[in-house]
């Protein structure tokens, strides 16, 4: 485990002494010093306390070698940002192919959507999903189809399927872009995304239905982001005109005919 040296580096990053950190964590200086020098190993409760104090995930605290971090990575850690928002590390994206070894679009049915957050990278989960092709889409990009629940994103209604393009680098997402956002807590959500990574390491998620209030999701809580491409709907939006619209359209048409007759007479 890397915990001893990592604790030392984190403490020095905060410019604090062992005595100061020990007092703030209700430890003796000798106990804390023993952890840094790896004379002793902290208990699970101790790891949780260090994780909360330094705002570093326990897994990173134990497994990562902070000695190898670049200054940019340290700054991100200072900001509490652990997600690979630029996609610089390889994100594991499991994709299905057809008999011609060409990638297909996996369709996540409504019944399978609840398990997506745990199965999105699992071949056993994906291989049983229905798949299809859309020949007008680029073969150099990865697409997936997601079910829409609720009425928060009109004109895309409940029961629709949104086809979306996988986003590797989240920094490239422009504010105002409709996206499928897969979060640890909510699962699959379809929202208009506003990129606030530079200011608050978050995305603001907004609905086109103004009844629903915007909310922030921290980048650390996001698993995947897919950019909206198109959608498939089981319903045709009602485009019938009311009597007033129809009457106005007839009047406009009559005026155009009248003007055309005058022009031809002249």
Protein backbone atom coordinates (compact mmCIF):
# COMPACT_ATOMS: atom_id res chain seq x y z
CA UNK A 1 0.00 0.00 0.00
CA UNK A 2 1.07 3.58 -0.71
CA UNK A 3 -0.72 5.11 2.24
CA UNK A 4 2.26 6.24 4.35
CA UNK A 5 4.00 8.34 1.73
CA UNK A 6 0.68 9.56 0.36
CA UNK A 7 -0.34 10.89 3.76
CA UNK A 8 2.97 12.70 4.04
CA UNK A 9 2.59 14.30 0.59
CA UNK A 10 -0.99 15.35 1.28
CA UNK A 11 -0.03 16.92 4.60
CA UNK A 12 2.84 18.85 3.04
CA UNK A 13 0.50 19.98 0.26
CA UNK A 14 -1.64 21.58 2.98
CA UNK A 15 1.52 23.04 4.60
CA UNK A 16 0.65 21.54 7.96
CA UNK A 17 2.76 19.83 10.58
CA UNK A 18 2.18 16.32 11.88
CA UNK A 19 1.12 17.84 15.20
CA UNK A 20 -1.56 20.01 13.53
CA UNK A 21 -3.04 17.15 11.52
CA UNK A 22 -2.97 14.80 14.50
CA UNK A 23 -4.83 17.31 16.69
CA UNK A 24 -7.49 17.91 14.02
CA UNK A 25 -8.05 14.16 13.68
CA UNK A 26 -8.00 13.54 17.46
CA UNK A 27 -4.84 11.46 17.21
CA UNK A 28 -1.56 11.62 19.07
CA UNK A 29 1.39 12.90 17.07
CA UNK A 30 3.23 9.61 17.51
CA UNK A 31 0.24 7.65 16.15
CA UNK A 32 -0.05 9.84 13.08
CA UNK A 33 3.71 9.79 12.56
CA UNK A 34 3.60 6.00 12.71
CA UNK A 35 1.11 5.95 9.82
CA UNK A 36 3.26 8.24 7.67
CA UNK A 37 6.39 6.22 8.41
CA UNK A 38 4.47 2.95 7.84
CA UNK A 39 5.33 1.66 11.28
CA UNK A 40 1.60 1.01 11.67
CA UNK A 41 -1.39 0.78 9.31
CA UNK A 42 -4.60 2.75 9.96
CA UNK A 43 -7.83 0.87 10.59
CA UNK A 44 -10.83 1.14 8.25
CA UNK A 45 -12.22 3.93 10.43
CA UNK A 46 -8.85 5.64 10.21
CA UNK A 47 -8.84 5.38 6.41
CA UNK A 48 -12.32 6.92 6.30
CA UNK A 49 -11.13 9.76 8.53
CA UNK A 50 -8.09 10.44 6.31
CA UNK A 51 -10.25 10.24 3.20
CA UNK A 52 -12.68 12.83 4.60
CA UNK A 53 -9.91 15.06 5.91
CA UNK A 54 -7.82 15.17 2.75
CA UNK A 55 -10.87 14.81 0.45
CA UNK A 56 -9.31 11.89 -1.38
CA UNK A 57 -11.10 8.59 -2.17
CA UNK A 58 -9.90 5.70 -0.02
CA UNK A 59 -9.03 3.64 -3.10
CA UNK A 60 -6.71 6.40 -4.37
CA UNK A 61 -5.23 6.88 -0.92
CA UNK A 62 -4.31 3.20 -0.68
CA UNK A 63 -3.47 2.26 -4.26
CA UNK A 64 -2.12 5.34 -6.05
CA UNK A 65 1.43 6.59 -5.81
CA UNK A 66 1.01 10.33 -5.29
CA UNK A 67 4.74 10.78 -5.81
CA UNK A 68 4.15 10.27 -9.55
CA UNK A 69 1.38 12.86 -9.90
CA UNK A 70 1.96 15.87 -12.13
CA UNK A 71 1.25 19.39 -10.91
CA UNK A 72 -1.89 19.44 -13.08
CA UNK A 73 -3.13 16.29 -11.37
CA UNK A 74 -2.37 17.81 -7.96
CA UNK A 75 -4.42 20.88 -8.87
CA UNK A 76 -7.33 18.68 -9.88
CA UNK A 77 -7.06 16.86 -6.57
CA UNK A 78 -7.01 20.17 -4.72
CA UNK A 79 -10.26 21.00 -6.50
CA UNK A 80 -11.74 17.65 -5.51
CA UNK A 81 -11.87 16.46 -9.13
CA UNK A 82 -10.98 12.81 -9.72
CA UNK A 83 -12.89 12.06 -12.90
CA UNK A 84 -10.83 11.86 -16.08
CA UNK A 85 -12.77 14.68 -17.73
CA UNK A 86 -10.36 15.00 -20.66
CA UNK A 87 -10.42 11.31 -21.45
CA UNK A 88 -6.62 11.17 -21.36
CA UNK A 89 -6.73 7.74 -19.79
CA UNK A 90 -8.35 5.00 -21.80
CA UNK A 91 -12.01 4.71 -20.86
CA UNK A 92 -13.14 1.13 -21.17
CA UNK A 93 -16.09 1.13 -23.55
CA UNK A 94 -17.42 -2.28 -24.41
CA UNK A 95 -18.99 -2.36 -27.87
CA UNK A 96 -20.85 -5.05 -29.80
CA UNK A 97 -20.13 -5.93 -33.44
CA UNK A 98 -22.15 -7.77 -36.12
CA UNK A 99 -21.18 -10.75 -38.27
CA UNK A 100 -19.17 -8.40 -40.52
CA UNK A 101 -17.17 -7.14 -37.55
CA UNK A 102 -18.86 -3.73 -37.77
CA UNK A 103 -20.00 -1.92 -34.66
CA UNK A 104 -23.72 -1.85 -34.03
CA UNK A 105 -25.90 0.50 -32.00
CA UNK A 106 -26.91 -1.19 -28.78
CA UNK A 107 -30.44 -0.33 -27.72
CA UNK A 108 -31.01 -0.14 -23.96
CA UNK A 109 -34.63 -1.22 -23.43
CA UNK A 110 -36.58 0.32 -20.58
CA UNK A 111 -36.49 -2.92 -18.58
CA UNK A 112 -32.69 -3.11 -18.87
CA UNK A 113 -32.03 0.56 -18.11
CA UNK A 114 -32.06 0.09 -14.32
CA UNK A 115 -29.01 -2.17 -14.55
CA UNK A 116 -27.05 0.02 -16.94
CA UNK A 117 -24.88 1.72 -14.31
CA UNK A 118 -23.45 -1.64 -13.26
CA UNK A 119 -23.53 -3.34 -16.67
CA UNK A 120 -22.48 -0.59 -19.10
CA UNK A 121 -18.98 -2.10 -19.46
CA UNK A 122 -19.98 -5.74 -19.02
CA UNK A 123 -20.04 -7.79 -22.26
CA UNK A 124 -22.50 -10.24 -20.68
CA UNK A 125 -24.94 -7.36 -20.08
CA UNK A 126 -24.50 -5.84 -23.53
CA UNK A 127 -24.52 -8.97 -25.67
CA UNK A 128 -28.18 -9.73 -24.90
CA UNK A 129 -29.37 -6.25 -25.89
CA UNK A 130 -31.13 -5.63 -29.20
CA UNK A 131 -28.93 -3.93 -31.79
CA UNK A 132 -29.45 -2.05 -35.05
CA UNK A 133 -27.69 0.02 -37.73
CA UNK A 134 -28.28 3.58 -38.90
CA UNK A 135 -26.31 3.75 -42.16
CA UNK A 136 -26.24 7.56 -42.27
CA UNK A 137 -24.18 7.78 -39.06
CA UNK A 138 -20.38 7.91 -39.05
CA UNK A 139 -18.57 4.59 -38.72
CA UNK A 140 -15.76 6.35 -36.85
CA UNK A 141 -17.90 7.16 -33.82
CA UNK A 142 -19.61 5.05 -31.18
CA UNK A 143 -23.39 5.27 -30.73
CA UNK A 144 -25.87 3.82 -28.29
CA UNK A 145 -29.65 4.16 -27.89
CA UNK A 146 -31.23 5.04 -24.53
CA UNK A 147 -34.86 4.97 -23.30
CA UNK A 148 -36.56 8.18 -22.23
CA UNK A 149 -38.71 8.26 -19.11
CA UNK A 150 -40.91 11.17 -18.06
CA UNK A 151 -41.87 14.50 -19.59
CA UNK A 152 -38.87 16.68 -18.74
CA UNK A 153 -37.44 16.98 -22.28
CA UNK A 154 -40.17 17.83 -24.82
CA UNK A 155 -40.51 17.37 -27.73
CA UNK A 156 -38.76 14.07 -26.86
CA UNK A 157 -41.46 12.25 -24.95
CA UNK A 158 -41.67 9.23 -22.72
CA UNK A 159 -41.21 5.98 -24.60
CA UNK A 160 -38.79 7.51 -27.11
CA UNK A 161 -35.30 6.19 -27.75
CA UNK A 162 -32.46 8.73 -27.99
CA UNK A 163 -29.54 7.77 -30.21
CA UNK A 164 -26.40 9.41 -28.85
CA UNK A 165 -22.67 9.63 -29.61
CA UNK A 166 -20.11 8.65 -26.99
CA UNK A 167 -18.07 11.59 -25.63
CA UNK A 168 -14.49 10.78 -24.65
CA UNK A 169 -13.35 14.28 -23.67
CA UNK A 170 -15.96 16.00 -21.51
CA UNK A 171 -14.15 19.33 -21.82
CA UNK A 172 -15.31 19.51 -25.46
CA UNK A 173 -18.99 19.56 -24.51
CA UNK A 174 -20.49 22.95 -25.34
CA UNK A 175 -23.01 24.46 -22.97
CA UNK A 176 -26.53 24.00 -24.28
CA UNK A 177 -25.85 20.55 -25.75
CA UNK A 178 -28.54 17.88 -25.16
CA UNK A 179 -26.86 14.80 -23.71
CA UNK A 180 -27.51 11.46 -22.13
CA UNK A 181 -25.70 11.63 -18.78
CA UNK A 182 -25.14 8.41 -16.87
CA UNK A 183 -24.69 9.11 -13.18
CA UNK A 184 -23.95 6.87 -10.23
CA UNK A 185 -27.07 7.95 -8.35
CA UNK A 186 -29.72 8.64 -11.01
CA UNK A 187 -28.65 6.27 -13.76
CA UNK A 188 -29.65 7.38 -17.26
CA UNK A 189 -30.89 10.97 -17.60
CA UNK A 190 -31.49 13.06 -20.72
CA UNK A 191 -30.84 16.77 -20.19
CA UNK A 192 -29.47 19.94 -21.75
CA UNK A 193 -25.95 20.17 -20.37
CA UNK A 194 -24.05 23.31 -19.34
CA UNK A 195 -20.32 22.79 -18.90
CA UNK A 196 -19.08 24.20 -15.58
CA UNK A 197 -15.94 22.07 -15.28
CA UNK A 198 -13.59 25.05 -15.16
CA UNK A 199 -15.46 26.84 -12.40
CA UNK A 200 -17.01 24.12 -10.24
CA UNK A 201 -15.95 20.75 -11.73
CA UNK A 202 -19.60 20.13 -12.45
CA UNK A 203 -22.26 20.05 -15.13
CA UNK A 204 -25.57 21.83 -14.81
CA UNK A 205 -28.40 19.65 -16.10
CA UNK A 206 -31.48 21.46 -17.41
CA UNK A 207 -34.83 20.28 -18.76
CA UNK A 208 -36.65 21.79 -21.73
CA UNK A 209 -39.77 21.51 -19.59
CA UNK A 210 -39.43 24.57 -17.33
CA UNK A 211 -41.43 22.85 -14.60
CA UNK A 212 -38.23 20.98 -13.70
CA UNK A 213 -35.48 23.01 -12.03
CA UNK A 214 -31.83 22.80 -13.17
CA UNK A 215 -29.39 21.00 -10.89
CA UNK A 216 -25.65 20.37 -10.64
CA UNK A 217 -23.87 17.05 -10.95
CA UNK A 218 -20.20 16.84 -9.98
CA UNK A 219 -17.92 15.22 -12.56
CA UNK A 220 -16.86 12.60 -10.02
CA UNK A 221 -20.44 11.29 -9.96
CA UNK A 222 -20.68 10.83 -13.74
CA UNK A 223 -19.92 7.51 -15.43
CA UNK A 224 -20.56 8.36 -19.09
CA UNK A 225 -21.76 11.20 -21.31
CA UNK A 226 -23.35 10.67 -24.73
CA UNK A 227 -24.17 13.57 -27.07
CA UNK A 228 -27.65 13.64 -28.62
CA UNK A 229 -27.80 12.70 -32.32
CA UNK A 230 -31.46 11.93 -33.00
CA UNK A 231 -34.44 10.19 -31.48
CA UNK A 232 -37.00 7.57 -32.37
CA UNK A 233 -40.52 8.18 -31.13
CA UNK A 234 -43.54 5.86 -31.07
CA UNK A 235 -45.83 8.88 -31.34
CA UNK A 236 -46.34 11.61 -33.92
CA UNK A 237 -46.62 15.03 -32.35
CA UNK A 238 -50.05 16.59 -32.84
CA UNK A 239 -49.62 19.27 -35.49
CA UNK A 240 -53.30 19.98 -36.16
CA UNK A 241 -54.23 23.63 -36.46
CA UNK A 242 -56.98 25.13 -34.38
CA UNK A 243 -59.80 27.03 -36.08
CA UNK A 244 -58.10 30.41 -35.68
CA UNK A 245 -54.84 29.21 -37.23
CA UNK A 246 -56.72 27.57 -40.10
CA UNK A 247 -58.78 30.69 -40.74
CA UNK A 248 -55.67 32.89 -40.77
CA UNK A 249 -53.89 30.51 -43.16
CA UNK A 250 -56.87 30.64 -45.56
CA UNK A 251 -56.94 34.45 -45.40
CA UNK A 252 -53.21 34.66 -46.10
CA UNK A 253 -53.61 32.31 -49.06
CA UNK A 254 -56.53 34.32 -50.44
CA UNK A 255 -54.47 37.51 -50.17
CA UNK A 256 -51.55 35.92 -52.01
CA UNK A 257 -53.90 34.80 -54.81
CA UNK A 258 -55.43 38.27 -55.00
CA UNK A 259 -52.00 39.92 -55.20
CA UNK A 260 -50.92 37.43 -57.86
CA UNK A 261 -54.00 38.22 -59.99
CA UNK A 262 -53.28 41.94 -59.80
CA UNK A 263 -49.66 41.36 -60.80
CA UNK A 264 -50.71 39.22 -63.81
CA UNK A 265 -53.26 41.83 -64.91
CA UNK A 266 -50.63 44.54 -64.88
